[in-house]
Amino acid sequence: MIFGKLRRKKPKAPSLGRSDFLRLKPVRNPMVEWKRDEEGKVRITIPLKKPSSQDEGRRPRRGGFFSRFFPEPEERRIQLDEIGSDVWELCDGERTVKDIVDHLCEKYKLLPREVEVPLNSYLNSLVKRGLIGFILPKDLEERLKKMESGG
């Protein structure tokens, strides 16, 4: 079918094993502002893109009907819960995922497996939102480059 050939699929990132994942060092996006509130929970503030000067004459696509009556927000805020706040603060580029797992196991009296699976999902959701990235160990970085190049 010709339509199948026209569709471009995003190249799938190589999947990491458990031991490789635990060696990654999550780091917060420096463009994102955050602070702890009086309850000790983290509030993240994400600046939103402003339309460029050449887009001013056009009607904005985002917001739809109500954007004509209400101004678009300049920032988006995310309030994290207690555990999410702890994880966020530990994503400093120095600690590994294993260090974060150990911290959560000790603080909340959980088994490593009970922490690893939801932490993996949580960190991946933060990556998809552009809030964190990962620092890779050198050997893992080289291995992934070889896998991408097909070697």
C-alpha atoms as a PDB file:
ATOM      1  CA  MET A   1       0.000   0.000   0.000  1.00  0.00           C
ATOM      2  CA  ILE A   2       1.405   3.380  -0.989  1.00  0.00           C
ATOM      3  CA  PHE A   3       0.104   5.193   2.116  1.00  0.00           C
ATOM      4  CA  GLY A   4       2.159   2.920   4.339  1.00  0.00           C
ATOM      5  CA  LYS A   5       5.301   4.097   2.568  1.00  0.00           C
ATOM      6  CA  LEU A   6       4.384   7.762   2.965  1.00  0.00           C
ATOM      7  CA  ARG A   7       3.955   7.528   6.694  1.00  0.00           C
ATOM      8  CA  ARG A   8       7.178   8.252   8.499  1.00  0.00           C
ATOM      9  CA  LYS A   9       7.640   6.588  11.804  1.00  0.00           C
ATOM     10  CA  LYS A  10       9.715   8.174  14.478  1.00  0.00           C
ATOM     11  CA  PRO A  11      12.819   6.062  15.002  1.00  0.00           C
ATOM     12  CA  LYS A  12      12.398   4.029  18.138  1.00  0.00           C
ATOM     13  CA  ALA A  13      14.971   4.683  20.823  1.00  0.00           C
ATOM     14  CA  PRO A  14      16.878   1.601  21.913  1.00  0.00           C
ATOM     15  CA  SER A  15      15.408   0.136  25.066  1.00  0.00           C
ATOM     16  CA  LEU A  16      17.566  -0.045  28.151  1.00  0.00           C
ATOM     17  CA  GLY A  17      17.859  -2.959  30.485  1.00  0.00           C
ATOM     18  CA  ARG A  18      17.158  -2.606  34.179  1.00  0.00           C
ATOM     19  CA  SER A  19      20.819  -2.366  35.162  1.00  0.00           C
ATOM     20  CA  ASP A  20      21.484   0.337  32.534  1.00  0.00           C
ATOM     21  CA  PHE A  21      18.428   2.315  33.586  1.00  0.00           C
ATOM     22  CA  LEU A  22      19.566   2.298  37.215  1.00  0.00           C
ATOM     23  CA  ARG A  23      22.895   3.840  36.161  1.00  0.00           C
ATOM     24  CA  LEU A  24      21.343   6.900  34.456  1.00  0.00           C
ATOM     25  CA  LYS A  25      21.582  10.274  36.168  1.00  0.00           C
ATOM     26  CA  PRO A  26      18.386  12.323  35.816  1.00  0.00           C
ATOM     27  CA  VAL A  27      18.906  16.080  35.575  1.00  0.00           C
ATOM     28  CA  ARG A  28      16.299  18.865  35.703  1.00  0.00           C
ATOM     29  CA  ASN A  29      15.802  21.159  32.703  1.00  0.00           C
ATOM     30  CA  PRO A  30      17.569  24.435  33.617  1.00  0.00           C
ATOM     31  CA  MET A  31      14.891  26.450  31.745  1.00  0.00           C
ATOM     32  CA  VAL A  32      12.258  25.291  34.222  1.00  0.00           C
ATOM     33  CA  GLU A  33      11.818  27.213  37.471  1.00  0.00           C
ATOM     34  CA  TRP A  34      10.748  25.427  40.632  1.00  0.00           C
ATOM     35  CA  LYS A  35      10.418  25.960  44.349  1.00  0.00           C
ATOM     36  CA  ARG A  36       9.028  24.210  47.399  1.00  0.00           C
ATOM     37  CA  ASP A  37       5.861  25.687  48.870  1.00  0.00           C
ATOM     38  CA  GLU A  38       5.031  26.000  52.574  1.00  0.00           C
ATOM     39  CA  GLU A  39       3.810  22.356  52.624  1.00  0.00           C
ATOM     40  CA  GLY A  40       7.163  21.160  51.264  1.00  0.00           C
ATOM     41  CA  LYS A  41       5.759  20.228  47.852  1.00  0.00           C
ATOM     42  CA  VAL A  42       7.432  21.313  44.620  1.00  0.00           C
ATOM     43  CA  ARG A  43       5.705  23.729  42.260  1.00  0.00           C
ATOM     44  CA  ILE A  44       7.175  23.777  38.747  1.00  0.00           C
ATOM     45  CA  THR A  45       6.739  26.829  36.529  1.00  0.00           C
ATOM     46  CA  ILE A  46       7.154  26.342  32.784  1.00  0.00           C
ATOM     47  CA  PRO A  47       7.390  29.457  30.609  1.00  0.00           C
ATOM     48  CA  LEU A  48       5.188  29.123  27.521  1.00  0.00           C
ATOM     49  CA  LYS A  49       6.332  30.180  24.070  1.00  0.00           C
ATOM     50  CA  LYS A  50       5.108  33.599  23.064  1.00  0.00           C
ATOM     51  CA  PRO A  51       4.023  34.077  19.455  1.00  0.00           C
ATOM     52  CA  SER A  52       6.706  35.638  17.265  1.00  0.00           C
ATOM     53  CA  SER A  53       6.175  39.095  15.778  1.00  0.00           C
ATOM     54  CA  GLN A  54       5.360  37.618  12.361  1.00  0.00           C
ATOM     55  CA  ASP A  55       2.577  35.507  13.899  1.00  0.00           C
ATOM     56  CA  GLU A  56       0.836  38.500  15.524  1.00  0.00           C
ATOM     57  CA  GLY A  57      -1.398  39.185  12.524  1.00  0.00           C
ATOM     58  CA  ARG A  58      -2.712  35.634  12.473  1.00  0.00           C
ATOM     59  CA  ARG A  59      -5.311  34.223  14.775  1.00  0.00           C
ATOM     60  CA  PRO A  60      -3.670  31.858  17.279  1.00  0.00           C
ATOM     61  CA  ARG A  61      -4.479  28.194  16.772  1.00  0.00           C
ATOM     62  CA  ARG A  62      -4.043  27.257  20.400  1.00  0.00           C
ATOM     63  CA  GLY A  63      -6.872  28.098  22.754  1.00  0.00           C
ATOM     64  CA  GLY A  64      -9.677  28.093  20.222  1.00  0.00           C
ATOM     65  CA  PHE A  65     -12.821  30.171  20.719  1.00  0.00           C
ATOM     66  CA  PHE A  66     -12.107  31.333  24.272  1.00  0.00           C
ATOM     67  CA  SER A  67      -8.658  32.684  23.378  1.00  0.00           C
ATOM     68  CA  ARG A  68     -10.455  35.679  21.859  1.00  0.00           C
ATOM     69  CA  PHE A  69     -11.868  36.634  25.254  1.00  0.00           C
ATOM     70  CA  PHE A  70      -9.231  35.469  27.704  1.00  0.00           C
ATOM     71  CA  PRO A  71      -5.509  36.159  27.448  1.00  0.00           C
ATOM     72  CA  GLU A  72      -3.259  33.151  26.956  1.00  0.00           C
ATOM     73  CA  PRO A  73      -1.237  32.233  30.024  1.00  0.00           C
ATOM     74  CA  GLU A  74       2.461  33.122  30.003  1.00  0.00           C
ATOM     75  CA  GLU A  75       3.400  30.080  32.040  1.00  0.00           C
ATOM     76  CA  ARG A  76       2.152  26.671  33.058  1.00  0.00           C
ATOM     77  CA  ARG A  77       2.363  25.455  36.642  1.00  0.00           C
ATOM     78  CA  ILE A  78       2.588  21.901  37.891  1.00  0.00           C
ATOM     79  CA  GLN A  79       2.156  20.985  41.546  1.00  0.00           C
ATOM     80  CA  LEU A  80       3.899  17.757  42.553  1.00  0.00           C
ATOM     81  CA  ASP A  81       2.857  15.498  45.408  1.00  0.00           C
ATOM     82  CA  GLU A  82       5.177  14.534  48.267  1.00  0.00           C
ATOM     83  CA  ILE A  83       6.911  11.623  46.514  1.00  0.00           C
ATOM     84  CA  GLY A  84       7.080  13.462  43.186  1.00  0.00           C
ATOM     85  CA  SER A  85       8.655  16.420  44.990  1.00  0.00           C
ATOM     86  CA  ASP A  86      11.280  14.172  46.574  1.00  0.00           C
ATOM     87  CA  VAL A  87      12.114  12.620  43.211  1.00  0.00           C
ATOM     88  CA  TRP A  88      12.254  16.051  41.528  1.00  0.00           C
ATOM     89  CA  GLU A  89      14.721  17.375  44.069  1.00  0.00           C
ATOM     90  CA  LEU A  90      16.904  14.260  43.696  1.00  0.00           C
ATOM     91  CA  CYS A  91      17.111  14.752  39.894  1.00  0.00           C
ATOM     92  CA  ASP A  92      20.256  16.858  40.222  1.00  0.00           C
ATOM     93  CA  GLY A  93      22.528  15.175  37.675  1.00  0.00           C
ATOM     94  CA  GLU A  94      24.703  13.792  40.471  1.00  0.00           C
ATOM     95  CA  ARG A  95      22.533  10.952  41.769  1.00  0.00           C
ATOM     96  CA  THR A  96      21.744   7.874  39.716  1.00  0.00           C
ATOM     97  CA  VAL A  97      18.303   6.333  39.382  1.00  0.00           C
ATOM     98  CA  LYS A  98      19.607   3.607  41.746  1.00  0.00           C
ATOM     99  CA  ASP A  99      20.387   6.296  44.354  1.00  0.00           C
ATOM    100  CA  ILE A 100      16.840   7.648  44.020  1.00  0.00           C
ATOM    101  CA  VAL A 101      15.385   4.127  44.334  1.00  0.00           C
ATOM    102  CA  ASP A 102      17.445   3.518  47.486  1.00  0.00           C
ATOM    103  CA  HIS A 103      16.336   6.842  48.974  1.00  0.00           C
ATOM    104  CA  LEU A 104      12.647   6.141  48.305  1.00  0.00           C
ATOM    105  CA  CYS A 105      12.919   2.570  49.632  1.00  0.00           C
ATOM    106  CA  GLU A 106      14.447   3.805  52.868  1.00  0.00           C
ATOM    107  CA  LYS A 107      12.116   6.787  53.357  1.00  0.00           C
ATOM    108  CA  TYR A 108       8.836   5.029  52.494  1.00  0.00           C
ATOM    109  CA  LYS A 109       9.768   1.488  53.645  1.00  0.00           C
ATOM    110  CA  LEU A 110       9.254  -0.113  50.223  1.00  0.00           C
ATOM    111  CA  LEU A 111      10.975  -2.882  48.297  1.00  0.00           C
ATOM    112  CA  PRO A 112      13.177  -1.872  45.341  1.00  0.00           C
ATOM    113  CA  ARG A 113      10.834  -3.500  42.797  1.00  0.00           C
ATOM    114  CA  GLU A 114       7.884  -1.553  44.259  1.00  0.00           C
ATOM    115  CA  VAL A 115       9.785   1.656  43.567  1.00  0.00           C
ATOM    116  CA  GLU A 116      11.568   0.919  40.271  1.00  0.00           C
ATOM    117  CA  VAL A 117       8.546   0.328  38.039  1.00  0.00           C
ATOM    118  CA  PRO A 118       6.542   3.448  39.002  1.00  0.00           C
ATOM    119  CA  LEU A 119       9.731   5.538  39.134  1.00  0.00           C
ATOM    120  CA  ASN A 120      10.582   4.438  35.595  1.00  0.00           C
ATOM    121  CA  SER A 121       7.126   5.549  34.402  1.00  0.00           C
ATOM    122  CA  TYR A 122       7.311   8.814  36.323  1.00  0.00           C
ATOM    123  CA  LEU A 123      10.765   9.737  35.020  1.00  0.00           C
ATOM    124  CA  ASN A 124       9.724   8.866  31.457  1.00  0.00           C
ATOM    125  CA  SER A 125       6.676  11.138  31.771  1.00  0.00           C
ATOM    126  CA  LEU A 126       8.950  13.965  32.983  1.00  0.00           C
ATOM    127  CA  VAL A 127      11.225  13.352  29.980  1.00  0.00           C
ATOM    128  CA  LYS A 128       8.268  13.471  27.553  1.00  0.00           C
ATOM    129  CA  ARG A 129       7.231  16.830  29.034  1.00  0.00           C
ATOM    130  CA  GLY A 130      10.764  18.152  28.626  1.00  0.00           C
ATOM    131  CA  LEU A 131      11.222  18.664  32.362  1.00  0.00           C
ATOM    132  CA  ILE A 132      14.226  16.360  32.825  1.00  0.00           C
ATOM    133  CA  GLY A 133      16.872  14.597  30.786  1.00  0.00           C
ATOM    134  CA  PHE A 134      19.356  11.854  31.536  1.00  0.00           C
ATOM    135  CA  ILE A 135      23.129  11.925  31.766  1.00  0.00           C
ATOM    136  CA  LEU A 136      24.462   8.675  30.373  1.00  0.00           C
ATOM    137  CA  PRO A 137      27.555   6.878  31.633  1.00  0.00           C
ATOM    138  CA  LYS A 138      30.324   6.973  28.975  1.00  0.00           C
ATOM    139  CA  ASP A 139      30.278   3.237  28.255  1.00  0.00           C
ATOM    140  CA  LEU A 140      26.495   3.232  27.819  1.00  0.00           C
ATOM    141  CA  GLU A 141      26.639   6.303  25.582  1.00  0.00           C
ATOM    142  CA  GLU A 142      29.201   4.611  23.321  1.00  0.00           C
ATOM    143  CA  ARG A 143      27.166   1.397  23.192  1.00  0.00           C
ATOM    144  CA  LEU A 144      23.986   3.300  22.229  1.00  0.00           C
ATOM    145  CA  LYS A 145      25.834   5.179  19.488  1.00  0.00           C
ATOM    146  CA  LYS A 146      27.026   1.868  18.059  1.00  0.00           C
ATOM    147  CA  MET A 147      23.473   0.500  18.177  1.00  0.00           C
ATOM    148  CA  GLU A 148      22.115   3.579  16.362  1.00  0.00           C
ATOM    149  CA  SER A 149      24.745   3.392  13.630  1.00  0.00           C
ATOM    150  CA  GLY A 150      23.982  -0.296  13.130  1.00  0.00           C
ATOM    151  CA  GLY A 151      27.385  -1.500  14.255  1.00  0.00           C
END
